[in-house]
Protein backbone atom coordinates (compact mmCIF):
# COMPACT_ATOMS: atom_id res chain seq x y z
CA MET A 1 -27.42 -59.15 -77.45
CA THR A 2 -23.84 -58.75 -78.73
CA ILE A 3 -24.47 -55.07 -79.49
CA TRP A 4 -25.79 -54.49 -75.94
CA ILE A 5 -22.70 -56.12 -74.39
CA ARG A 6 -20.43 -53.90 -76.51
CA LYS A 7 -22.29 -50.78 -75.32
CA VAL A 8 -21.89 -51.77 -71.70
CA GLN A 9 -18.18 -52.41 -72.18
CA ASN A 10 -17.73 -49.03 -73.86
CA LYS A 11 -19.63 -47.34 -71.00
CA TYR A 12 -17.46 -48.87 -68.27
CA THR A 13 -14.35 -48.09 -70.24
CA PHE A 14 -15.40 -44.43 -70.35
CA PHE A 15 -15.95 -44.28 -66.56
CA ILE A 16 -12.59 -45.89 -65.90
CA VAL A 17 -10.81 -43.38 -68.14
CA VAL A 18 -12.58 -40.44 -66.45
CA PHE A 19 -11.71 -41.78 -62.97
CA LEU A 20 -8.03 -42.21 -63.84
CA ALA A 21 -7.86 -38.71 -65.33
CA GLY A 22 -9.43 -37.16 -62.20
CA PHE A 23 -7.11 -39.09 -59.91
CA LEU A 24 -4.02 -37.93 -61.78
CA SER A 25 -5.26 -34.30 -61.78
CA ALA A 26 -5.87 -34.34 -58.01
CA LYS A 27 -2.45 -35.92 -57.50
CA LEU A 28 -0.80 -33.07 -59.36
CA TRP A 29 -3.09 -30.37 -57.86
CA PHE A 30 -2.53 -31.16 -54.20
CA SER A 31 1.09 -32.21 -54.48
CA PRO A 32 3.54 -30.46 -52.05
CA GLY A 33 5.11 -28.47 -54.90
CA SER A 34 1.81 -27.40 -56.44
CA THR A 35 0.72 -23.79 -56.44
CA GLY A 36 -2.89 -24.43 -57.45
CA GLU A 37 -6.08 -23.28 -55.73
CA GLY A 38 -6.62 -24.71 -52.22
CA ALA A 39 -3.10 -26.15 -51.93
CA ILE A 40 -1.92 -27.06 -48.43
CA THR A 41 1.84 -26.60 -48.19
CA SER A 42 4.27 -28.50 -46.07
CA GLN A 43 7.99 -28.18 -45.40
CA ALA A 44 8.62 -31.82 -44.49
CA GLN A 45 7.24 -35.32 -45.11
CA LYS A 46 3.76 -35.49 -43.57
CA GLU A 47 2.51 -38.22 -41.32
CA THR A 48 -1.17 -39.06 -40.91
CA VAL A 49 -2.95 -37.91 -37.77
CA TRP A 50 -6.66 -38.67 -37.26
CA THR A 51 -8.96 -35.99 -35.88
CA CYS A 52 -12.65 -35.18 -35.47
CA SER A 53 -14.29 -32.63 -37.73
CA MET A 54 -16.51 -31.53 -34.83
CA HIS A 55 -13.82 -31.60 -32.14
CA PRO A 56 -10.47 -30.67 -33.72
CA GLN A 57 -8.69 -30.97 -30.37
CA ILE A 58 -9.05 -34.75 -30.68
CA LYS A 59 -5.92 -36.14 -32.39
CA GLN A 60 -5.04 -39.83 -32.61
CA PRO A 61 -2.41 -41.76 -34.57
CA ASN A 62 -4.95 -44.37 -35.78
CA PRO A 63 -8.42 -44.19 -37.34
CA GLY A 64 -11.48 -44.72 -35.19
CA GLN A 65 -14.35 -42.82 -33.64
CA CYS A 66 -14.37 -39.54 -31.73
CA PRO A 67 -14.58 -40.21 -27.98
CA LEU A 68 -16.80 -37.14 -27.54
CA CYS A 69 -19.42 -37.39 -30.29
CA GLY A 70 -18.81 -40.83 -31.85
CA MET A 71 -18.21 -39.51 -35.37
CA ASP A 72 -15.65 -41.24 -37.60
CA LEU A 73 -12.23 -39.61 -37.44
CA ILE A 74 -10.79 -38.03 -40.57
CA PRO A 75 -7.09 -37.87 -41.59
CA LEU A 76 -5.10 -34.76 -40.80
CA GLN A 77 -1.62 -34.12 -42.10
CA SER A 78 0.96 -32.91 -39.55
CA SER A 79 4.70 -32.43 -39.64
CA PRO A 80 7.13 -33.45 -36.87
CA GLU A 81 9.40 -30.55 -37.82
CA ASP A 82 6.70 -27.90 -37.52
CA THR A 83 7.76 -24.80 -35.58
CA GLY A 84 4.29 -24.24 -34.14
CA ALA A 85 3.45 -21.02 -36.03
CA VAL A 86 -0.04 -21.00 -37.50
CA GLN A 87 -0.14 -19.22 -40.84
CA LEU A 88 -2.78 -18.73 -43.49
CA THR A 89 -1.77 -17.84 -47.06
CA MET A 90 -4.26 -16.46 -49.53
CA SER A 91 -4.28 -14.65 -52.83
CA GLU A 92 -4.74 -10.90 -53.09
CA ALA A 93 -8.13 -11.47 -54.67
CA ALA A 94 -9.18 -13.64 -51.75
CA GLU A 95 -7.96 -10.96 -49.31
CA LYS A 96 -10.14 -8.37 -50.98
CA LEU A 97 -13.07 -10.72 -51.10
CA ALA A 98 -12.76 -11.34 -47.36
CA GLU A 99 -12.57 -7.54 -46.76
CA ILE A 100 -9.56 -7.93 -44.51
CA GLN A 101 -8.25 -4.71 -42.98
CA THR A 102 -5.12 -4.17 -40.89
CA VAL A 103 -3.69 -1.36 -38.79
CA PRO A 104 -0.20 -0.98 -37.31
CA VAL A 105 0.42 -1.60 -33.64
CA GLN A 106 1.43 1.75 -32.12
CA ARG A 107 2.60 3.31 -28.90
CA ALA A 108 0.49 6.23 -27.77
CA PHE A 109 -1.21 7.59 -24.71
CA ALA A 110 -4.93 6.98 -24.75
CA GLU A 111 -7.69 7.96 -22.39
CA HIS A 112 -10.18 5.68 -20.74
CA ALA A 113 -13.54 7.21 -19.89
CA LEU A 114 -15.18 5.82 -16.76
CA ARG A 115 -18.80 6.84 -16.30
CA LEU A 116 -20.25 6.98 -12.81
CA VAL A 117 -23.32 8.45 -11.16
CA GLY A 118 -23.35 10.37 -7.92
CA LYS A 119 -25.12 12.89 -5.75
CA VAL A 120 -24.35 16.39 -4.56
CA GLU A 121 -23.73 16.66 -0.81
CA TYR A 122 -22.62 19.28 1.69
CA ASP A 123 -18.93 19.94 2.17
CA GLU A 124 -18.48 18.61 5.70
CA THR A 125 -15.56 20.95 6.32
CA ARG A 126 -17.83 23.96 5.69
CA LEU A 127 -20.65 23.16 8.12
CA LYS A 128 -21.08 25.27 11.26
CA SER A 129 -23.35 24.71 14.25
CA ILE A 130 -24.71 27.70 16.17
CA THR A 131 -25.08 26.60 19.80
CA ALA A 132 -25.99 28.28 23.07
CA TRP A 133 -22.80 29.31 24.87
CA PHE A 134 -24.67 29.53 28.17
CA ALA A 135 -28.05 28.63 29.61
CA GLY A 136 -30.90 31.03 28.97
CA ARG A 137 -34.13 31.82 27.17
CA ILE A 138 -34.47 32.54 23.45
CA ASP A 139 -36.24 35.86 23.31
CA ARG A 140 -35.99 36.28 19.56
CA LEU A 141 -35.05 34.25 16.48
CA PHE A 142 -34.08 36.55 13.63
CA VAL A 143 -33.82 33.55 11.25
CA ASP A 144 -37.01 31.59 11.78
CA TYR A 145 -37.04 29.07 8.89
CA THR A 146 -34.58 26.79 7.13
CA GLY A 147 -33.13 27.72 3.76
CA THR A 148 -32.53 31.33 4.74
CA PRO A 149 -29.27 32.67 3.29
CA VAL A 150 -27.09 34.50 5.81
CA LYS A 151 -23.83 36.37 5.62
CA GLN A 152 -20.97 36.38 8.03
CA GLY A 153 -21.82 38.82 10.84
CA ASP A 154 -25.61 38.69 10.40
CA HIS A 155 -27.58 38.51 13.68
CA LEU A 156 -29.25 35.15 14.30
CA VAL A 157 -30.69 34.91 17.82
CA GLU A 158 -31.17 37.03 20.92
CA LEU A 159 -30.69 35.20 24.25
CA PHE A 160 -31.58 36.25 27.81
CA SER A 161 -29.51 34.81 30.67
CA PRO A 162 -29.44 35.88 34.34
CA ALA A 163 -26.04 34.20 34.72
CA LEU A 164 -24.59 36.48 32.06
CA LEU A 165 -25.72 39.53 34.04
CA THR A 166 -23.41 38.49 36.88
CA ASP A 167 -20.42 38.16 34.53
CA GLN A 168 -21.11 41.59 33.01
CA GLU A 169 -21.37 43.17 36.46
CA ALA A 170 -18.03 41.58 37.43
CA LEU A 171 -16.43 43.16 34.37
CA LEU A 172 -17.81 46.62 35.17
CA GLN A 173 -16.56 46.47 38.77
CA ALA A 174 -13.09 45.37 37.66
CA VAL A 175 -12.93 48.17 35.10
CA ARG A 176 -14.00 50.78 37.69
CA ALA A 177 -11.38 49.51 40.15
CA ALA A 178 -8.65 49.68 37.53
CA GLN A 179 -9.67 53.19 36.46
CA ALA A 180 -9.90 54.45 40.03
CA GLY A 181 -6.20 53.91 40.70
CA GLY A 182 -5.65 55.51 44.15
CA ALA A 183 -3.29 54.31 46.83
CA GLY A 184 -1.44 51.07 46.60
CA SER A 185 1.70 49.66 45.12
CA VAL A 186 2.41 49.05 41.47
CA ALA A 187 1.69 45.37 41.98
CA VAL A 188 -1.76 46.13 43.35
CA ARG A 189 -2.60 48.36 40.39
CA GLN A 190 -1.31 45.71 38.00
CA ASN A 191 -3.48 43.13 39.70
CA ARG A 192 -6.56 45.32 39.23
CA GLY A 193 -5.81 45.62 35.50
CA ASP A 194 -5.35 41.86 35.19
CA ALA A 195 -8.70 41.29 36.90
CA ALA A 196 -10.45 43.48 34.31
CA GLU A 197 -8.73 41.57 31.47
CA ARG A 198 -9.78 38.24 32.96
CA ALA A 199 -13.40 39.45 33.09
CA ARG A 200 -13.24 40.44 29.43
CA GLU A 201 -11.78 37.03 28.49
CA ARG A 202 -14.58 35.25 30.31
CA LEU A 203 -17.19 37.11 28.30
CA ARG A 204 -15.30 36.29 25.06
CA LEU A 205 -15.42 32.63 26.01
CA LEU A 206 -19.18 32.94 26.46
CA GLY A 207 -19.53 34.06 22.84
CA LEU A 208 -19.57 37.85 23.08
CA THR A 209 -17.70 39.73 20.37
CA PRO A 210 -15.07 42.39 21.20
CA ASP A 211 -17.50 45.07 20.02
CA GLN A 212 -20.18 43.81 22.42
CA ILE A 213 -17.74 43.84 25.35
CA THR A 214 -16.61 47.35 24.50
CA ALA A 215 -20.24 48.48 24.29
CA ILE A 216 -20.88 47.12 27.83
CA GLU A 217 -17.89 49.04 29.22
CA THR A 218 -18.92 52.22 27.39
CA ARG A 219 -22.54 51.96 28.50
CA GLY A 220 -21.56 51.17 32.10
CA THR A 221 -24.56 48.90 32.65
CA PRO A 222 -25.04 45.18 31.88
CA SER A 223 -27.23 44.09 29.01
CA GLU A 224 -30.12 41.74 29.71
CA ARG A 225 -30.08 40.22 26.24
CA ILE A 226 -27.14 39.15 24.11
CA THR A 227 -27.28 38.79 20.33
CA PHE A 228 -25.33 36.05 18.55
CA TYR A 229 -24.03 36.50 14.99
CA SER A 230 -23.28 34.13 12.11
CA PRO A 231 -19.62 33.05 11.90
CA ILE A 232 -19.83 32.18 8.17
CA THR A 233 -21.72 32.95 4.99
CA GLY A 234 -24.07 30.19 3.95
CA ILE A 235 -27.52 28.68 4.09
CA VAL A 236 -29.40 27.70 7.24
CA ILE A 237 -30.07 24.01 6.68
CA GLN A 238 -31.40 23.19 10.17
CA LYS A 239 -33.35 25.16 12.79
CA ASN A 240 -33.46 23.21 16.05
CA ALA A 241 -35.10 25.72 18.44
CA VAL A 242 -38.10 28.01 18.60
CA GLN A 243 -38.65 31.42 20.08
CA GLY A 244 -39.34 31.39 23.82
CA GLU A 245 -37.57 28.06 24.37
CA TYR A 246 -35.14 27.62 27.26
CA VAL A 247 -31.79 26.16 26.21
CA GLN A 248 -28.78 24.81 28.04
CA MET A 249 -25.12 25.34 27.30
CA GLY A 250 -24.28 23.48 24.07
CA THR A 251 -27.85 23.24 22.77
CA ARG A 252 -27.82 23.43 18.96
CA ILE A 253 -29.93 26.24 17.56
CA TYR A 254 -28.90 26.39 13.88
CA THR A 255 -26.75 24.53 11.36
CA ILE A 256 -25.30 26.61 8.54
CA ALA A 257 -23.69 25.22 5.37
CA ASP A 258 -21.37 27.08 3.02
CA LEU A 259 -22.55 26.02 -0.45
CA THR A 260 -19.84 27.83 -2.40
CA HIS A 261 -18.00 24.50 -2.22
CA VAL A 262 -19.82 21.15 -2.42
CA TRP A 263 -18.95 17.47 -2.60
CA ILE A 264 -19.94 14.96 -5.24
CA LYS A 265 -20.08 11.43 -3.83
CA MET A 266 -20.09 8.65 -6.41
CA ASP A 267 -20.38 4.87 -6.14
CA ALA A 268 -17.61 2.92 -7.86
CA TYR A 269 -17.64 -0.85 -8.27
CA GLU A 270 -14.58 -2.97 -7.52
CA SER A 271 -13.78 -3.28 -11.22
CA ASP A 272 -13.78 0.52 -11.52
CA LEU A 273 -11.16 1.13 -8.83
CA PRO A 274 -8.07 0.63 -11.07
CA TRP A 275 -9.27 3.56 -13.17
CA ILE A 276 -9.78 5.96 -10.25
CA HIS A 277 -6.88 7.93 -8.88
CA TYR A 278 -6.23 11.01 -6.85
CA GLY A 279 -6.02 14.21 -8.82
CA GLN A 280 -8.17 13.05 -11.73
CA PRO A 281 -10.22 15.77 -13.39
CA VAL A 282 -13.92 14.98 -13.36
CA THR A 283 -16.59 16.42 -15.61
CA PHE A 284 -20.28 15.94 -14.88
CA THR A 285 -23.71 17.12 -15.88
CA THR A 286 -27.10 17.44 -14.22
CA VAL A 287 -30.62 17.35 -15.59
CA SER A 288 -31.24 20.78 -14.04
CA TYR A 289 -28.77 22.47 -16.40
CA PRO A 290 -28.80 20.55 -19.70
CA GLY A 291 -25.76 21.20 -21.85
CA GLU A 292 -23.75 22.76 -19.02
CA ILE A 293 -20.62 20.89 -17.94
CA PHE A 294 -19.27 21.21 -14.40
CA GLN A 295 -15.76 20.32 -13.30
CA GLY A 296 -14.21 18.91 -10.16
CA GLN A 297 -11.31 16.83 -8.90
CA VAL A 298 -11.04 13.51 -7.10
CA VAL A 299 -9.65 14.18 -3.62
CA PHE A 300 -10.66 11.11 -1.61
CA ILE A 301 -11.32 7.39 -2.19
CA ASP A 302 -13.02 5.59 0.69
CA PRO A 303 -10.67 2.93 2.14
CA PHE A 304 -13.65 0.69 2.97
CA LEU A 305 -15.97 -1.28 0.70
CA ASP A 306 -19.71 -1.31 1.31
CA GLU A 307 -20.49 -5.01 1.63
CA GLN A 308 -24.15 -4.48 0.81
CA THR A 309 -23.71 -2.63 -2.48
CA ARG A 310 -20.13 -3.82 -3.22
CA THR A 311 -19.17 -0.25 -4.03
CA VAL A 312 -16.64 2.30 -2.80
CA LYS A 313 -17.43 5.96 -2.26
CA VAL A 314 -15.40 8.41 -4.34
CA ARG A 315 -15.43 12.06 -3.32
CA VAL A 316 -15.04 14.98 -5.70
CA ASP A 317 -14.54 18.57 -4.61
CA VAL A 318 -16.40 21.15 -6.70
CA VAL A 319 -16.38 24.93 -6.58
CA ASN A 320 -19.97 26.22 -6.65
CA PRO A 321 -19.78 30.02 -6.56
CA GLN A 322 -23.25 30.64 -8.01
CA GLY A 323 -24.95 27.95 -5.96
CA LYS A 324 -26.29 26.08 -8.98
CA LEU A 325 -25.41 22.71 -7.51
CA LYS A 326 -27.77 21.92 -4.68
CA PRO A 327 -27.36 19.06 -2.19
CA GLY A 328 -29.41 16.06 -3.27
CA MET A 329 -29.01 16.58 -7.02
CA PHE A 330 -28.02 13.54 -9.10
CA VAL A 331 -25.10 13.91 -11.49
CA GLN A 332 -23.60 11.87 -14.32
CA ALA A 333 -19.83 12.05 -14.16
CA VAL A 334 -16.98 11.04 -16.47
CA LEU A 335 -13.50 10.25 -15.11
CA ARG A 336 -10.73 10.15 -17.70
CA SER A 337 -7.57 8.16 -17.06
CA GLU A 338 -4.25 7.64 -18.80
CA VAL A 339 -2.15 4.47 -18.53
CA ASN A 340 1.56 3.86 -18.98
CA ALA A 341 3.32 1.00 -20.78
CA GLN A 342 2.70 -1.33 -17.81
CA GLY A 343 -1.03 -0.64 -17.93
CA LYS A 344 -1.02 1.38 -14.69
CA VAL A 345 -3.06 4.54 -14.31
CA ILE A 346 -1.02 7.69 -13.97
CA THR A 347 -1.97 11.17 -12.82
CA ALA A 348 -0.45 13.74 -15.08
CA GLY A 349 1.21 16.65 -13.33
CA LEU A 350 1.73 15.02 -9.91
CA ALA A 351 5.15 13.58 -10.64
CA GLY A 352 7.63 15.22 -8.26
CA GLN A 353 4.95 17.10 -6.31
CA TRP A 354 4.48 17.18 -2.51
CA ILE A 355 1.10 16.50 -0.94
CA CYS A 356 -0.45 16.32 2.53
CA PRO A 357 -1.34 12.78 3.68
CA MET A 358 -4.25 14.18 5.71
CA HIS A 359 -5.54 16.70 3.16
CA PRO A 360 -4.73 15.42 -0.36
CA SER A 361 -6.09 18.58 -1.93
CA VAL A 362 -3.00 20.41 -0.65
CA VAL A 363 -0.34 20.05 -3.36
CA ARG A 364 2.95 21.95 -3.36
CA GLU A 365 5.99 22.01 -5.61
CA GLU A 366 8.39 22.09 -2.66
CA LYS A 367 8.67 20.29 0.66
CA GLY A 368 6.91 21.97 3.58
CA ARG A 369 3.92 21.71 5.90
CA CYS A 370 0.20 21.57 5.27
CA ASP A 371 -1.63 24.87 5.68
CA GLN A 372 -4.60 23.15 7.34
CA CYS A 373 -3.16 20.53 9.70
CA GLU A 374 0.56 21.46 9.71
CA MET A 375 1.60 17.90 8.90
CA SER A 376 4.77 17.42 6.85
CA LEU A 377 4.17 17.06 3.12
CA VAL A 378 5.31 13.86 1.39
CA ARG A 379 6.15 12.97 -2.18
CA ALA A 380 3.15 12.09 -4.34
CA GLU A 381 4.80 8.84 -5.45
CA GLU A 382 5.24 7.70 -1.84
CA SER A 383 1.52 8.05 -1.20
CA GLY A 384 0.56 6.07 -4.28
CA TYR A 385 -0.63 9.10 -6.22
CA GLY A 386 0.37 9.73 -9.80
CA GLY A 387 3.36 8.17 -11.49
CA SER A 388 7.04 8.82 -11.93
CA ALA A 389 8.28 11.21 -14.56
CA ASP A 390 9.59 8.28 -16.62
CA SER A 391 6.24 6.47 -16.59
CA GLU A 392 4.49 9.58 -17.85
CA LYS A 393 6.85 9.60 -20.85
CA ASN A 394 6.47 5.88 -21.65
CA PRO A 395 3.28 5.32 -23.68
CA PRO A 396 1.61 1.90 -23.84
CA LEU A 397 1.31 -0.45 -26.82
CA LEU A 398 -2.21 -0.21 -28.27
CA ILE A 399 -4.39 -2.23 -30.64
CA PRO A 400 -8.02 -1.51 -31.64
CA LEU A 401 -10.84 -3.21 -29.76
CA SER A 402 -11.79 -5.22 -32.85
CA ALA A 403 -8.34 -6.78 -33.26
CA PRO A 404 -8.29 -9.51 -30.56
CA LEU A 405 -10.56 -12.55 -30.53
CA ILE A 406 -11.17 -13.25 -26.84
CA THR A 407 -12.31 -16.58 -25.43
CA GLY A 408 -12.15 -16.76 -21.65
CA THR A 409 -8.60 -15.98 -20.56
CA ARG A 410 -7.15 -16.30 -24.08
CA ALA A 411 -6.80 -13.52 -26.62
CA VAL A 412 -5.81 -14.27 -30.23
CA VAL A 413 -4.78 -11.75 -32.88
CA TYR A 414 -3.82 -12.25 -36.51
CA VAL A 415 -0.74 -10.46 -37.83
CA LYS A 416 0.03 -9.84 -41.50
CA ILE A 417 3.54 -11.03 -42.30
CA PRO A 418 5.47 -8.37 -44.27
CA ASN A 419 7.53 -8.87 -47.43
CA THR A 420 5.75 -11.99 -48.70
CA GLU A 421 4.79 -12.87 -52.26
CA LYS A 422 1.19 -13.46 -51.22
CA PRO A 423 -0.71 -12.21 -48.14
CA VAL A 424 0.23 -14.35 -45.14
CA PHE A 425 -1.47 -14.04 -41.77
CA GLU A 426 -0.09 -15.51 -38.57
CA GLY A 427 -2.09 -16.24 -35.43
CA ARG A 428 -0.71 -15.28 -32.01
CA GLU A 429 -1.87 -15.30 -28.44
CA VAL A 430 -1.24 -11.99 -26.69
CA VAL A 431 -1.40 -10.70 -23.15
CA LEU A 432 -3.93 -7.88 -22.91
CA GLY A 433 -3.79 -5.16 -20.31
CA PRO A 434 -6.62 -2.78 -19.45
CA ARG A 435 -9.38 -2.11 -21.93
CA LEU A 436 -9.53 1.57 -22.83
CA GLU A 437 -12.35 3.41 -24.50
CA HIS A 438 -11.24 2.58 -28.05
CA ALA A 439 -8.27 0.24 -27.64
CA TYR A 440 -6.61 -2.52 -25.64
CA VAL A 441 -3.23 -2.20 -23.95
CA VAL A 442 -0.92 -5.03 -25.06
CA LEU A 443 1.56 -6.27 -22.46
CA ALA A 444 3.17 -9.10 -24.47
CA GLY A 445 2.94 -10.85 -27.83
CA LEU A 446 3.23 -7.95 -30.29
CA GLU A 447 5.79 -5.39 -31.37
CA GLU A 448 5.33 -1.80 -32.43
CA GLY A 449 4.70 -1.42 -36.16
CA GLU A 450 3.29 -4.91 -36.79
CA GLN A 451 0.09 -5.04 -38.85
CA VAL A 452 -2.81 -6.61 -36.93
CA VAL A 453 -6.10 -7.61 -38.55
CA THR A 454 -9.04 -5.51 -37.36
CA LYS A 455 -11.64 -6.69 -39.88
CA GLY A 456 -11.91 -10.19 -41.30
CA ASN A 457 -10.14 -11.90 -38.39
CA PHE A 458 -13.17 -14.12 -37.80
CA LYS A 459 -12.97 -15.31 -41.42
CA ILE A 460 -9.30 -16.17 -41.02
CA ASP A 461 -10.02 -17.99 -37.80
CA SER A 462 -12.94 -19.85 -39.38
CA ALA A 463 -10.71 -21.06 -42.22
CA LEU A 464 -8.28 -22.44 -39.65
CA GLN A 465 -11.07 -24.17 -37.76
CA ILE A 466 -12.48 -25.76 -40.93
CA ASN A 467 -9.07 -27.22 -41.65
CA THR A 468 -8.72 -28.39 -38.00
CA LYS A 469 -5.80 -26.06 -37.33
CA PRO A 470 -5.12 -24.20 -34.04
CA SER A 471 -7.40 -21.19 -33.71
CA MET A 472 -9.18 -19.12 -31.10
CA MET A 473 -11.08 -22.26 -30.03
CA SER A 474 -7.91 -24.32 -29.55
CA GLU A 475 -6.74 -25.09 -26.05
CA THR A 476 -3.07 -25.48 -26.87
CA ALA A 477 -0.82 -24.27 -24.06
CA PRO A 478 2.19 -22.18 -25.11
CA ASP A 479 5.59 -22.26 -23.49
CA MET A 480 5.12 -20.29 -20.27
CA GLN A 481 8.87 -19.93 -19.70
CA ALA A 482 9.14 -17.61 -22.68
CA MET A 483 6.75 -15.11 -21.15
CA PRO A 484 7.71 -12.01 -19.15
CA GLU A 485 8.09 -12.47 -15.43
CA GLY A 486 4.82 -12.24 -13.55
CA GLN A 487 2.69 -12.97 -16.63
CA GLN A 488 2.82 -16.78 -16.65
CA ASP A 489 -0.91 -16.90 -16.01
CA HIS A 490 -1.58 -15.39 -19.45
CA PRO A 491 -0.45 -17.03 -22.70
CA ALA A 492 1.78 -14.82 -24.85
CA GLY A 493 1.93 -16.81 -28.09
CA MET A 494 -0.07 -19.29 -30.13
CA HIS A 495 1.56 -22.63 -30.88
CA GLY A 496 0.05 -25.40 -32.98
CA ASP A 497 1.16 -28.85 -33.99
CA GLY A 498 0.35 -28.59 -37.70
CA PRO A 499 2.17 -27.10 -40.67
CA PRO A 500 1.47 -23.62 -42.04
CA LEU A 501 -1.82 -23.57 -43.92
CA SER A 502 -1.91 -22.17 -47.45
CA LEU A 503 -5.33 -21.38 -48.89
CA GLU A 504 -5.67 -19.59 -52.18
CA SER A 505 -9.27 -18.61 -51.53
CA LEU A 506 -11.71 -18.45 -48.68
CA PRO A 507 -15.05 -20.25 -48.75
């Protein structure tokens, strides 16, 4: 019995010694001046704050239970003198193990590729209608089916009209009277010549060409049938009459389209509009010609939104000399845009140019008038096209797409602090501008040359969350007064209420 009691006493003595040794080791390991593995550093005397391991936004001065999930609160050390910067310190070995990669923040012009689909349509400015200039009967249709290609000056239709016989006879009588001369004053002879000219003008207004009028005068007899010719080169896309039909003045017989120029009409959603601007080059492809790239230019953006589809029509002018592009074809287009430092789309080459407000395809280097409508040209900047010369020289601040951690309206990046003994990463909230094809535009929160984490940022953020420090999931509100004017709706910096976190290794 005595031996058994001595064994028990020796056993408890051993456990007590081991416990005291472990307590003293932990005391030394996690002391503020310690540099051991997993040390959490502090710059001032810490005070205990109680938080929830599941909901780190819960912070109370006393122990208790989480009001959200009911779990027991755990102690969290915080410093009243903390500046708000959230930092994570790790060893070089831990940095390599976490595969953390950084790139410098840089200023450069970058393109954004917007992909849209559209359809080839007729150029409305190059459509012509062939109508009857006077009432009569169609005796012959030289073009008797749609799709027929015609050239300017080709004969289209032969029309018989009794009314036109009267006008031709009036011309012949006036010409004979003017040629006869005879007695009378100079005024009388002048009046006879004017009468002949008025008869010629009437026939021109009825659609007869100068050659046809001359042929009537040379022949000396009226013609029963008059032939009408094509005013343009194109394709007959509509045939509205048949041979033997009686038509009235203004009746449409043909519609001809010039397909050497066509339109591409595309549907752009509301979110696409900031990337679309006048003068943008557009490249597109069709399934009919695989591998062949066509080019055009944005010349018109519809001022109205289709409430059914929530899209806006964008028109592209395309030169089609070989007629490969046919109305009705579907195309897949790419619009490339450049942005300036303010995140606004600019149109290279339009700075300082003069354009027509009615026909935006008319661009001149000097002030003048439009060749088509004779309206005065205006500066491109006044019409909202392009950008100033300074904006075209001011590139934006760019970071890769993988750098920011985005949650709702907040964007968090981690920056590697330079000139430190060990790798230190600091979390910041930034204001992001437009998203480009391979990068984000940064409006506030970063400076050129800073090293941002592009790989491993989730691991850094996870380490902060495990230790209940501000991270991408935190809802801490930064000081809005320190932000640039007009950007108070977007946080520009990350502020926490805990001390910098120093971890020698990542889990």
